[in-house]
Amino acid sequence: MTIIELTPPTVEPLTLVEIRAHLRLDTDEEDELLLALAIVAREHLERETGLVLAERNFRLCLDDRPADGIVTIARGPVRTVASVTVYDGEGEPQVVDLDGHLLDGEARPARLWLRALPEPGRSMNGIEVEFSAGFGESGADVPQTLKRAMLLHVAAMFAVRGVVAPDAQPAVMPPGYDRLIAPFCRRGL
């Protein structure tokens, strides 16, 4: 299973106003750095939890049709499924009809059931599912606990900004961060 990000986020969950207020900054001199740190904090949180905070589009590539007929999507919450394509042995795409499909986009992982999913003809990446995922179109849709964790993370990275470059972040994790994100993490055995 491979997940490819098709579009970047149009907005970040944290605004400059929120970050400046949290850091008690009155000037806009550090805005470029703050925006870069907010992106690092979002990306790190998304890796840790498997969640998509800022809504965007993805493509899930599968090698085989699932035995139980249910496609699992590790990134979520899944908002919509745009298309499902199955490739035959010659590499020709066949678009799957989405009428009657069932999507449980809030499940972890999200689940998609399709009425009729043909067997792919190629052995690798024979099935492609294009979907949008994220909490919503603005940062206001992201749970406040996750936003608080991101603000703590940005503050910690901002505190070591002279020692660690933004492209080398995250280099430090603030106390309490793990407790804030723990309810949102999927841990495997």
N, C-alpha and C. Protein backbone atom coordinates (compact mmCIF):
# COMPACT_ATOMS: atom_id res chain seq x y z
N MET A 1 0.85 -1.17 0.00
CA MET A 1 0.00 0.00 0.00
C MET A 1 0.90 1.24 0.00
N THR A 2 0.61 2.13 -0.92
CA THR A 2 1.33 3.39 -1.03
C THR A 2 0.32 4.52 -1.03
N ILE A 3 0.60 5.58 -0.29
CA ILE A 3 -0.26 6.75 -0.29
C ILE A 3 0.55 7.93 -0.81
N ILE A 4 0.01 8.57 -1.84
CA ILE A 4 0.68 9.70 -2.49
C ILE A 4 -0.15 10.95 -2.24
N GLU A 5 0.50 12.00 -1.77
CA GLU A 5 -0.19 13.28 -1.58
C GLU A 5 -0.28 13.98 -2.93
N LEU A 6 -1.49 14.27 -3.36
CA LEU A 6 -1.71 14.87 -4.68
C LEU A 6 -1.73 16.39 -4.65
N THR A 7 -2.23 16.96 -3.57
CA THR A 7 -2.30 18.42 -3.47
C THR A 7 -1.80 18.84 -2.09
N PRO A 8 -1.12 19.97 -2.03
CA PRO A 8 -0.70 20.48 -0.73
C PRO A 8 -1.89 21.12 -0.01
N PRO A 9 -1.77 21.31 1.29
CA PRO A 9 -2.85 21.98 2.02
C PRO A 9 -3.01 23.42 1.53
N THR A 10 -4.25 23.89 1.48
CA THR A 10 -4.48 25.28 1.10
C THR A 10 -4.35 26.19 2.32
N VAL A 11 -4.62 25.67 3.49
CA VAL A 11 -4.44 26.43 4.74
C VAL A 11 -3.80 25.51 5.78
N GLU A 12 -3.11 26.12 6.71
CA GLU A 12 -2.52 25.37 7.82
C GLU A 12 -3.47 25.44 9.02
N PRO A 13 -3.44 24.44 9.89
CA PRO A 13 -4.32 24.45 11.06
C PRO A 13 -4.07 25.62 12.00
N LEU A 14 -2.82 26.05 12.12
CA LEU A 14 -2.48 27.17 13.00
C LEU A 14 -2.32 28.44 12.18
N THR A 15 -2.88 29.53 12.69
CA THR A 15 -2.69 30.83 12.04
C THR A 15 -1.56 31.58 12.72
N LEU A 16 -1.03 32.55 12.03
CA LEU A 16 0.01 33.39 12.63
C LEU A 16 -0.51 34.10 13.88
N VAL A 17 -1.76 34.50 13.87
CA VAL A 17 -2.34 35.17 15.03
C VAL A 17 -2.31 34.24 16.24
N GLU A 18 -2.69 32.97 16.05
CA GLU A 18 -2.68 32.00 17.15
C GLU A 18 -1.26 31.75 17.65
N ILE A 19 -0.33 31.63 16.72
CA ILE A 19 1.06 31.35 17.11
C ILE A 19 1.66 32.54 17.85
N ARG A 20 1.47 33.74 17.30
CA ARG A 20 2.00 34.94 17.97
C ARG A 20 1.40 35.11 19.36
N ALA A 21 0.10 34.87 19.48
CA ALA A 21 -0.55 35.00 20.79
C ALA A 21 0.03 33.99 21.77
N HIS A 22 0.24 32.77 21.33
CA HIS A 22 0.80 31.74 22.21
C HIS A 22 2.22 32.09 22.65
N LEU A 23 3.00 32.64 21.72
CA LEU A 23 4.40 32.99 22.03
C LEU A 23 4.54 34.39 22.64
N ARG A 24 3.43 35.12 22.68
CA ARG A 24 3.41 36.51 23.18
C ARG A 24 4.36 37.40 22.39
N LEU A 25 4.24 37.28 21.07
CA LEU A 25 5.02 38.12 20.16
C LEU A 25 4.13 39.22 19.63
N ASP A 26 4.66 40.43 19.60
CA ASP A 26 3.88 41.57 19.12
C ASP A 26 4.25 42.00 17.71
N THR A 27 5.38 41.52 17.22
CA THR A 27 5.85 41.97 15.90
C THR A 27 5.72 40.84 14.88
N ASP A 28 5.87 41.23 13.61
CA ASP A 28 5.79 40.24 12.54
C ASP A 28 7.17 39.90 11.98
N GLU A 29 8.23 40.23 12.71
CA GLU A 29 9.60 40.01 12.23
C GLU A 29 9.93 38.54 12.02
N GLU A 30 9.32 37.66 12.79
CA GLU A 30 9.65 36.23 12.74
C GLU A 30 8.57 35.42 12.01
N ASP A 31 7.67 36.07 11.29
CA ASP A 31 6.53 35.38 10.68
C ASP A 31 6.95 34.25 9.74
N GLU A 32 7.96 34.47 8.93
CA GLU A 32 8.39 33.44 7.99
C GLU A 32 8.86 32.20 8.75
N LEU A 33 9.64 32.40 9.80
CA LEU A 33 10.10 31.29 10.62
C LEU A 33 8.92 30.60 11.31
N LEU A 34 8.00 31.37 11.84
CA LEU A 34 6.84 30.81 12.53
C LEU A 34 6.00 29.93 11.60
N LEU A 35 5.80 30.39 10.37
CA LEU A 35 5.05 29.59 9.40
C LEU A 35 5.77 28.28 9.07
N ALA A 36 7.10 28.36 8.92
CA ALA A 36 7.88 27.15 8.64
C ALA A 36 7.79 26.17 9.81
N LEU A 37 7.87 26.67 11.03
CA LEU A 37 7.78 25.80 12.21
C LEU A 37 6.38 25.21 12.35
N ALA A 38 5.35 25.96 11.98
CA ALA A 38 3.98 25.44 12.04
C ALA A 38 3.80 24.28 11.06
N ILE A 39 4.42 24.38 9.89
CA ILE A 39 4.35 23.29 8.92
C ILE A 39 5.07 22.05 9.45
N VAL A 40 6.25 22.26 10.04
CA VAL A 40 6.99 21.14 10.63
C VAL A 40 6.16 20.48 11.73
N ALA A 41 5.53 21.29 12.58
CA ALA A 41 4.71 20.75 13.67
C ALA A 41 3.53 19.95 13.12
N ARG A 42 2.88 20.46 12.08
CA ARG A 42 1.75 19.73 11.47
C ARG A 42 2.22 18.42 10.87
N GLU A 43 3.28 18.47 10.08
CA GLU A 43 3.78 17.26 9.43
C GLU A 43 4.19 16.20 10.46
N HIS A 44 4.84 16.64 11.54
CA HIS A 44 5.25 15.69 12.58
C HIS A 44 4.02 15.06 13.25
N LEU A 45 3.03 15.88 13.57
CA LEU A 45 1.82 15.38 14.21
C LEU A 45 1.07 14.42 13.29
N GLU A 46 1.03 14.72 12.00
CA GLU A 46 0.37 13.82 11.05
C GLU A 46 1.11 12.48 10.96
N ARG A 47 2.44 12.51 11.00
CA ARG A 47 3.20 11.25 10.97
C ARG A 47 2.95 10.43 12.24
N GLU A 48 2.90 11.11 13.38
CA GLU A 48 2.71 10.42 14.65
C GLU A 48 1.32 9.79 14.78
N THR A 49 0.31 10.45 14.26
CA THR A 49 -1.07 10.01 14.49
C THR A 49 -1.71 9.32 13.29
N GLY A 50 -1.20 9.55 12.08
CA GLY A 50 -1.85 9.02 10.89
C GLY A 50 -3.04 9.86 10.45
N LEU A 51 -3.26 10.96 11.14
CA LEU A 51 -4.36 11.87 10.81
C LEU A 51 -3.92 12.86 9.74
N VAL A 52 -4.90 13.40 9.04
CA VAL A 52 -4.65 14.49 8.10
C VAL A 52 -5.32 15.71 8.70
N LEU A 53 -4.53 16.67 9.14
CA LEU A 53 -5.08 17.85 9.80
C LEU A 53 -5.60 18.86 8.79
N ALA A 54 -4.79 19.17 7.79
CA ALA A 54 -5.16 20.14 6.76
C ALA A 54 -5.68 19.39 5.55
N GLU A 55 -6.91 19.65 5.16
CA GLU A 55 -7.55 18.89 4.09
C GLU A 55 -6.78 18.98 2.78
N ARG A 56 -6.64 17.82 2.13
CA ARG A 56 -6.00 17.74 0.82
C ARG A 56 -6.33 16.40 0.18
N ASN A 57 -5.86 16.23 -1.06
CA ASN A 57 -6.19 15.04 -1.84
C ASN A 57 -5.02 14.06 -1.87
N PHE A 58 -5.39 12.77 -1.89
CA PHE A 58 -4.41 11.69 -1.88
C PHE A 58 -4.78 10.64 -2.91
N ARG A 59 -3.80 9.78 -3.23
CA ARG A 59 -4.04 8.59 -4.03
C ARG A 59 -3.48 7.40 -3.25
N LEU A 60 -4.33 6.41 -3.03
CA LEU A 60 -3.94 5.15 -2.40
C LEU A 60 -3.73 4.13 -3.49
N CYS A 61 -2.57 3.49 -3.52
CA CYS A 61 -2.26 2.46 -4.52
C CYS A 61 -2.17 1.11 -3.82
N LEU A 62 -2.94 0.15 -4.33
CA LEU A 62 -2.96 -1.20 -3.78
C LEU A 62 -2.52 -2.20 -4.83
N ASP A 63 -1.88 -3.28 -4.40
CA ASP A 63 -1.45 -4.32 -5.32
C ASP A 63 -2.59 -5.29 -5.63
N ASP A 64 -3.37 -5.65 -4.62
CA ASP A 64 -4.42 -6.65 -4.77
C ASP A 64 -5.75 -6.14 -4.25
N ARG A 65 -6.81 -6.79 -4.72
CA ARG A 65 -8.14 -6.53 -4.18
C ARG A 65 -8.19 -7.15 -2.79
N PRO A 66 -8.71 -6.42 -1.79
CA PRO A 66 -8.79 -6.98 -0.44
C PRO A 66 -9.67 -8.23 -0.42
N ALA A 67 -9.27 -9.24 0.34
CA ALA A 67 -10.00 -10.50 0.41
C ALA A 67 -11.42 -10.30 0.93
N ASP A 68 -11.59 -9.39 1.88
CA ASP A 68 -12.92 -9.17 2.45
C ASP A 68 -13.72 -8.11 1.68
N GLY A 69 -13.12 -7.53 0.64
CA GLY A 69 -13.82 -6.54 -0.17
C GLY A 69 -13.82 -5.14 0.40
N ILE A 70 -13.16 -4.96 1.53
CA ILE A 70 -13.13 -3.64 2.18
C ILE A 70 -11.73 -3.05 2.05
N VAL A 71 -11.64 -1.91 1.38
CA VAL A 71 -10.37 -1.20 1.23
C VAL A 71 -10.15 -0.37 2.49
N THR A 72 -9.00 -0.56 3.13
CA THR A 72 -8.68 0.26 4.30
C THR A 72 -7.76 1.39 3.88
N ILE A 73 -8.03 2.57 4.43
CA ILE A 73 -7.27 3.77 4.09
C ILE A 73 -6.66 4.29 5.39
N ALA A 74 -5.34 4.22 5.48
CA ALA A 74 -4.64 4.52 6.72
C ALA A 74 -4.67 6.00 7.10
N ARG A 75 -4.83 6.88 6.15
CA ARG A 75 -4.87 8.32 6.45
C ARG A 75 -6.31 8.76 6.58
N GLY A 76 -6.60 9.59 7.55
CA GLY A 76 -7.98 10.02 7.73
C GLY A 76 -8.06 11.26 8.59
N PRO A 77 -9.21 11.76 8.85
CA PRO A 77 -10.50 11.26 8.41
C PRO A 77 -10.72 11.49 6.91
N VAL A 78 -11.26 10.45 6.26
CA VAL A 78 -11.54 10.53 4.83
C VAL A 78 -12.87 11.24 4.63
N ARG A 79 -12.86 12.28 3.85
CA ARG A 79 -14.08 13.08 3.62
C ARG A 79 -14.86 12.57 2.41
N THR A 80 -14.16 12.33 1.30
CA THR A 80 -14.83 11.85 0.09
C THR A 80 -13.89 10.93 -0.68
N VAL A 81 -14.49 10.06 -1.49
CA VAL A 81 -13.74 9.24 -2.44
C VAL A 81 -14.09 9.77 -3.82
N ALA A 82 -13.08 10.25 -4.53
CA ALA A 82 -13.32 10.86 -5.84
C ALA A 82 -13.40 9.82 -6.95
N SER A 83 -12.50 8.83 -6.90
CA SER A 83 -12.50 7.82 -7.96
C SER A 83 -11.75 6.58 -7.50
N VAL A 84 -12.10 5.46 -8.14
CA VAL A 84 -11.38 4.20 -7.96
C VAL A 84 -11.10 3.68 -9.35
N THR A 85 -9.83 3.37 -9.62
CA THR A 85 -9.41 2.89 -10.92
C THR A 85 -8.69 1.56 -10.74
N VAL A 86 -9.04 0.59 -11.59
CA VAL A 86 -8.38 -0.72 -11.59
C VAL A 86 -7.71 -0.88 -12.96
N TYR A 87 -6.45 -1.34 -12.96
CA TYR A 87 -5.70 -1.51 -14.21
C TYR A 87 -5.68 -2.97 -14.61
N ASP A 88 -5.96 -3.23 -15.90
CA ASP A 88 -5.94 -4.62 -16.39
C ASP A 88 -4.51 -5.02 -16.73
N GLY A 89 -4.35 -6.23 -17.27
CA GLY A 89 -3.02 -6.77 -17.58
C GLY A 89 -2.23 -5.97 -18.57
N GLU A 90 -2.92 -5.22 -19.44
CA GLU A 90 -2.23 -4.37 -20.43
C GLU A 90 -2.00 -2.96 -19.90
N GLY A 91 -2.41 -2.71 -18.68
CA GLY A 91 -2.22 -1.39 -18.09
C GLY A 91 -3.33 -0.41 -18.42
N GLU A 92 -4.41 -0.91 -18.99
CA GLU A 92 -5.53 -0.03 -19.33
C GLU A 92 -6.39 0.22 -18.09
N PRO A 93 -6.73 1.49 -17.83
CA PRO A 93 -7.53 1.80 -16.65
C PRO A 93 -9.00 1.47 -16.83
N GLN A 94 -9.61 1.00 -15.78
CA GLN A 94 -11.05 0.75 -15.75
C GLN A 94 -11.59 1.47 -14.53
N VAL A 95 -12.43 2.47 -14.75
CA VAL A 95 -12.99 3.26 -13.66
C VAL A 95 -14.12 2.46 -13.01
N VAL A 96 -14.07 2.35 -11.70
CA VAL A 96 -15.06 1.59 -10.94
C VAL A 96 -16.23 2.51 -10.61
N ASP A 97 -17.43 2.01 -10.80
CA ASP A 97 -18.65 2.76 -10.48
C ASP A 97 -18.76 2.91 -8.96
N LEU A 98 -18.91 4.13 -8.50
CA LEU A 98 -19.00 4.39 -7.06
C LEU A 98 -20.42 4.38 -6.53
N ASP A 99 -21.41 4.12 -7.41
CA ASP A 99 -22.80 4.04 -6.95
C ASP A 99 -22.94 2.90 -5.95
N GLY A 100 -23.55 3.19 -4.82
CA GLY A 100 -23.79 2.16 -3.81
C GLY A 100 -22.59 1.85 -2.93
N HIS A 101 -21.51 2.61 -3.06
CA HIS A 101 -20.36 2.34 -2.19
C HIS A 101 -20.65 2.80 -0.77
N LEU A 102 -19.96 2.23 0.17
CA LEU A 102 -20.08 2.63 1.57
C LEU A 102 -18.73 3.11 2.05
N LEU A 103 -18.72 4.28 2.68
CA LEU A 103 -17.48 4.85 3.21
C LEU A 103 -17.66 5.13 4.69
N ASP A 104 -16.78 4.57 5.49
CA ASP A 104 -16.70 4.90 6.91
C ASP A 104 -15.41 5.69 7.08
N GLY A 105 -15.50 6.98 6.76
CA GLY A 105 -14.32 7.84 6.74
C GLY A 105 -13.79 8.22 8.09
N GLU A 106 -14.61 8.09 9.13
CA GLU A 106 -14.18 8.45 10.49
C GLU A 106 -13.48 7.30 11.20
N ALA A 107 -13.62 6.07 10.68
CA ALA A 107 -12.98 4.92 11.32
C ALA A 107 -11.46 5.06 11.24
N ARG A 108 -10.77 4.38 12.13
CA ARG A 108 -9.31 4.38 12.11
C ARG A 108 -8.82 2.97 11.97
N PRO A 109 -8.41 2.48 10.81
CA PRO A 109 -8.34 3.21 9.54
C PRO A 109 -9.73 3.33 8.89
N ALA A 110 -9.82 4.28 7.98
CA ALA A 110 -11.06 4.47 7.24
C ALA A 110 -11.31 3.22 6.38
N ARG A 111 -12.60 2.96 6.13
CA ARG A 111 -12.95 1.76 5.37
C ARG A 111 -13.86 2.13 4.20
N LEU A 112 -13.59 1.51 3.06
CA LEU A 112 -14.38 1.74 1.85
C LEU A 112 -14.81 0.39 1.29
N TRP A 113 -16.13 0.23 1.14
CA TRP A 113 -16.68 -0.98 0.52
C TRP A 113 -17.26 -0.59 -0.82
N LEU A 114 -16.87 -1.33 -1.84
CA LEU A 114 -17.36 -1.10 -3.20
C LEU A 114 -18.19 -2.30 -3.63
N ARG A 115 -19.30 -2.01 -4.29
CA ARG A 115 -20.21 -3.07 -4.73
C ARG A 115 -19.51 -4.06 -5.66
N ALA A 116 -18.73 -3.57 -6.59
CA ALA A 116 -18.05 -4.45 -7.55
C ALA A 116 -16.65 -3.90 -7.80
N LEU A 117 -15.66 -4.59 -7.28
CA LEU A 117 -14.27 -4.20 -7.48
C LEU A 117 -13.58 -5.31 -8.27
N PRO A 118 -13.25 -5.05 -9.56
CA PRO A 118 -12.62 -6.10 -10.38
C PRO A 118 -11.21 -6.43 -9.87
N GLU A 119 -10.76 -7.59 -10.26
CA GLU A 119 -9.40 -8.03 -9.92
C GLU A 119 -8.41 -7.26 -10.80
N PRO A 120 -7.36 -6.68 -10.22
CA PRO A 120 -6.39 -5.96 -11.06
C PRO A 120 -5.57 -6.93 -11.90
N GLY A 121 -5.17 -6.47 -13.07
CA GLY A 121 -4.40 -7.30 -13.98
C GLY A 121 -2.90 -7.14 -13.82
N ARG A 122 -2.46 -6.07 -13.22
CA ARG A 122 -1.02 -5.91 -13.01
C ARG A 122 -0.69 -6.21 -11.55
N SER A 123 0.52 -6.65 -11.32
CA SER A 123 0.88 -7.17 -10.00
C SER A 123 1.21 -6.08 -8.98
N MET A 124 1.57 -4.89 -9.44
CA MET A 124 1.88 -3.82 -8.49
C MET A 124 1.04 -2.59 -8.81
N ASN A 125 0.47 -1.99 -7.76
CA ASN A 125 -0.32 -0.76 -7.89
C ASN A 125 -1.44 -0.91 -8.92
N GLY A 126 -2.13 -2.04 -8.87
CA GLY A 126 -3.20 -2.30 -9.82
C GLY A 126 -4.51 -1.61 -9.49
N ILE A 127 -4.62 -1.11 -8.26
CA ILE A 127 -5.84 -0.40 -7.83
C ILE A 127 -5.42 0.96 -7.29
N GLU A 128 -6.11 2.01 -7.76
CA GLU A 128 -5.86 3.37 -7.27
C GLU A 128 -7.15 3.96 -6.75
N VAL A 129 -7.09 4.48 -5.53
CA VAL A 129 -8.23 5.14 -4.91
C VAL A 129 -7.84 6.59 -4.65
N GLU A 130 -8.55 7.52 -5.27
CA GLU A 130 -8.29 8.94 -5.03
C GLU A 130 -9.33 9.45 -4.05
N PHE A 131 -8.85 10.13 -3.01
CA PHE A 131 -9.73 10.57 -1.94
C PHE A 131 -9.24 11.88 -1.33
N SER A 132 -10.14 12.56 -0.65
CA SER A 132 -9.75 13.74 0.11
C SER A 132 -9.87 13.38 1.58
N ALA A 133 -8.94 13.91 2.36
CA ALA A 133 -8.92 13.63 3.80
C ALA A 133 -8.56 14.90 4.55
N GLY A 134 -8.97 14.96 5.78
CA GLY A 134 -8.68 16.09 6.65
C GLY A 134 -9.88 16.43 7.51
N PHE A 135 -9.64 17.22 8.52
CA PHE A 135 -10.72 17.59 9.43
C PHE A 135 -11.67 18.60 8.83
N GLY A 136 -11.20 19.39 7.89
CA GLY A 136 -12.05 20.39 7.28
C GLY A 136 -11.24 21.37 6.47
N GLU A 137 -11.92 22.40 6.01
CA GLU A 137 -11.27 23.36 5.12
C GLU A 137 -10.53 24.47 5.85
N SER A 138 -10.65 24.53 7.17
CA SER A 138 -9.92 25.55 7.93
C SER A 138 -9.38 24.95 9.21
N GLY A 139 -8.47 25.67 9.83
CA GLY A 139 -7.89 25.23 11.09
C GLY A 139 -8.90 25.14 12.21
N ALA A 140 -10.03 25.86 12.06
CA ALA A 140 -11.06 25.83 13.10
C ALA A 140 -11.68 24.44 13.23
N ASP A 141 -11.55 23.60 12.21
CA ASP A 141 -12.14 22.26 12.23
C ASP A 141 -11.25 21.23 12.94
N VAL A 142 -10.00 21.57 13.19
CA VAL A 142 -9.05 20.66 13.84
C VAL A 142 -9.34 20.65 15.35
N PRO A 143 -9.34 19.46 15.98
CA PRO A 143 -9.58 19.41 17.42
C PRO A 143 -8.61 20.31 18.20
N GLN A 144 -9.14 21.00 19.19
CA GLN A 144 -8.35 21.96 19.97
C GLN A 144 -7.17 21.30 20.66
N THR A 145 -7.31 20.06 21.08
CA THR A 145 -6.20 19.35 21.74
C THR A 145 -5.01 19.23 20.80
N LEU A 146 -5.27 18.91 19.53
CA LEU A 146 -4.19 18.78 18.56
C LEU A 146 -3.57 20.14 18.25
N LYS A 147 -4.39 21.17 18.19
CA LYS A 147 -3.86 22.51 17.96
C LYS A 147 -2.98 22.95 19.14
N ARG A 148 -3.40 22.61 20.35
CA ARG A 148 -2.60 22.94 21.54
C ARG A 148 -1.26 22.22 21.49
N ALA A 149 -1.26 20.95 21.09
CA ALA A 149 -0.01 20.20 20.96
C ALA A 149 0.90 20.85 19.93
N MET A 150 0.32 21.29 18.81
CA MET A 150 1.13 21.95 17.79
C MET A 150 1.70 23.26 18.29
N LEU A 151 0.91 24.03 19.04
CA LEU A 151 1.41 25.30 19.59
C LEU A 151 2.57 25.06 20.55
N LEU A 152 2.47 24.03 21.39
CA LEU A 152 3.57 23.69 22.29
C LEU A 152 4.82 23.31 21.51
N HIS A 153 4.61 22.55 20.44
CA HIS A 153 5.73 22.12 19.60
C HIS A 153 6.39 23.30 18.90
N VAL A 154 5.58 24.19 18.35
CA VAL A 154 6.14 25.38 17.69
C VAL A 154 6.93 26.21 18.70
N ALA A 155 6.40 26.37 19.89
CA ALA A 155 7.09 27.15 20.94
C ALA A 155 8.43 26.52 21.29
N ALA A 156 8.48 25.21 21.41
CA ALA A 156 9.73 24.53 21.74
C ALA A 156 10.75 24.70 20.62
N MET A 157 10.30 24.56 19.38
CA MET A 157 11.22 24.72 18.25
C MET A 157 11.66 26.18 18.13
N PHE A 158 10.77 27.11 18.42
CA PHE A 158 11.10 28.53 18.37
C PHE A 158 12.16 28.86 19.43
N ALA A 159 12.08 28.21 20.58
CA ALA A 159 13.03 28.46 21.66
C ALA A 159 14.45 28.04 21.30
N VAL A 160 14.60 27.04 20.43
CA VAL A 160 15.93 26.57 20.03
C VAL A 160 16.29 27.02 18.62
N ARG A 161 15.62 28.07 18.13
CA ARG A 161 15.80 28.49 16.74
C ARG A 161 17.22 28.91 16.41
N GLY A 162 17.99 29.39 17.37
CA GLY A 162 19.37 29.78 17.09
C GLY A 162 20.32 28.60 17.05
N VAL A 163 19.90 27.46 17.59
CA VAL A 163 20.74 26.27 17.67
C VAL A 163 20.42 25.28 16.56
N VAL A 164 19.13 25.13 16.24
CA VAL A 164 18.69 24.15 15.25
C VAL A 164 17.95 24.88 14.13
N ALA A 165 18.41 24.67 12.90
CA ALA A 165 17.77 25.31 11.74
C ALA A 165 16.37 24.74 11.53
N PRO A 166 15.46 25.53 10.94
CA PRO A 166 14.10 25.04 10.70
C PRO A 166 14.04 23.76 9.87
N ASP A 167 14.97 23.59 8.92
CA ASP A 167 14.94 22.38 8.09
C ASP A 167 15.50 21.16 8.82
N ALA A 168 16.05 21.35 10.01
CA ALA A 168 16.54 20.24 10.82
C ALA A 168 15.57 19.90 11.96
N GLN A 169 14.43 20.54 11.96
CA GLN A 169 13.42 20.30 13.00
C GLN A 169 12.60 19.06 12.63
N PRO A 170 11.90 18.40 13.49
CA PRO A 170 11.81 18.71 14.91
C PRO A 170 12.99 18.12 15.68
N ALA A 171 13.65 18.96 16.43
CA ALA A 171 14.80 18.54 17.22
C ALA A 171 14.45 18.42 18.69
N VAL A 172 13.35 19.03 19.08
CA VAL A 172 12.97 19.01 20.49
C VAL A 172 11.45 18.80 20.58
N MET A 173 11.07 18.03 21.58
CA MET A 173 9.65 17.81 21.84
C MET A 173 9.33 18.38 23.22
N PRO A 174 8.27 19.17 23.31
CA PRO A 174 7.94 19.81 24.58
C PRO A 174 7.34 18.83 25.58
N PRO A 175 7.51 19.10 26.87
CA PRO A 175 6.86 18.27 27.88
C PRO A 175 5.33 18.32 27.71
N GLY A 176 4.70 17.20 27.87
CA GLY A 176 3.25 17.13 27.76
C GLY A 176 2.72 16.87 26.36
N TYR A 177 3.58 16.99 25.35
CA TYR A 177 3.16 16.80 23.97
C TYR A 177 2.58 15.40 23.76
N ASP A 178 3.31 14.39 24.23
CA ASP A 178 2.87 13.01 24.04
C ASP A 178 1.53 12.74 24.70
N ARG A 179 1.28 13.33 25.85
CA ARG A 179 0.00 13.14 26.53
C ARG A 179 -1.14 13.77 25.75
N LEU A 180 -0.89 14.91 25.11
CA LEU A 180 -1.93 15.56 24.33
C LEU A 180 -2.32 14.76 23.09
N ILE A 181 -1.33 14.18 22.42
CA ILE A 181 -1.64 13.49 21.17
C ILE A 181 -1.98 12.01 21.37
N ALA A 182 -1.72 11.45 22.55
CA ALA A 182 -1.91 10.02 22.80
C ALA A 182 -3.30 9.51 22.41
N PRO A 183 -4.39 10.23 22.74
CA PRO A 183 -5.72 9.70 22.37
C PRO A 183 -5.95 9.61 20.85
N PHE A 184 -5.13 10.30 20.08
CA PHE A 184 -5.30 10.32 18.63
C PHE A 184 -4.35 9.37 17.91
N CYS A 185 -3.43 8.77 18.65
CA CYS A 185 -2.43 7.87 18.04
C CYS A 185 -2.96 6.46 17.92
N ARG A 186 -2.59 5.82 16.83
CA ARG A 186 -2.90 4.39 16.64
C ARG A 186 -1.60 3.65 16.90
N ARG A 187 -1.60 2.85 17.90
CA ARG A 187 -0.40 2.07 18.25
C ARG A 187 -0.62 0.61 17.90
N GLY A 188 0.33 0.03 17.21
CA GLY A 188 0.25 -1.37 16.85
C GLY A 188 1.02 -2.23 17.84
N LEU A 189 0.70 -3.48 17.85
CA LEU A 189 1.42 -4.42 18.72
C LEU A 189 2.56 -5.05 18.00
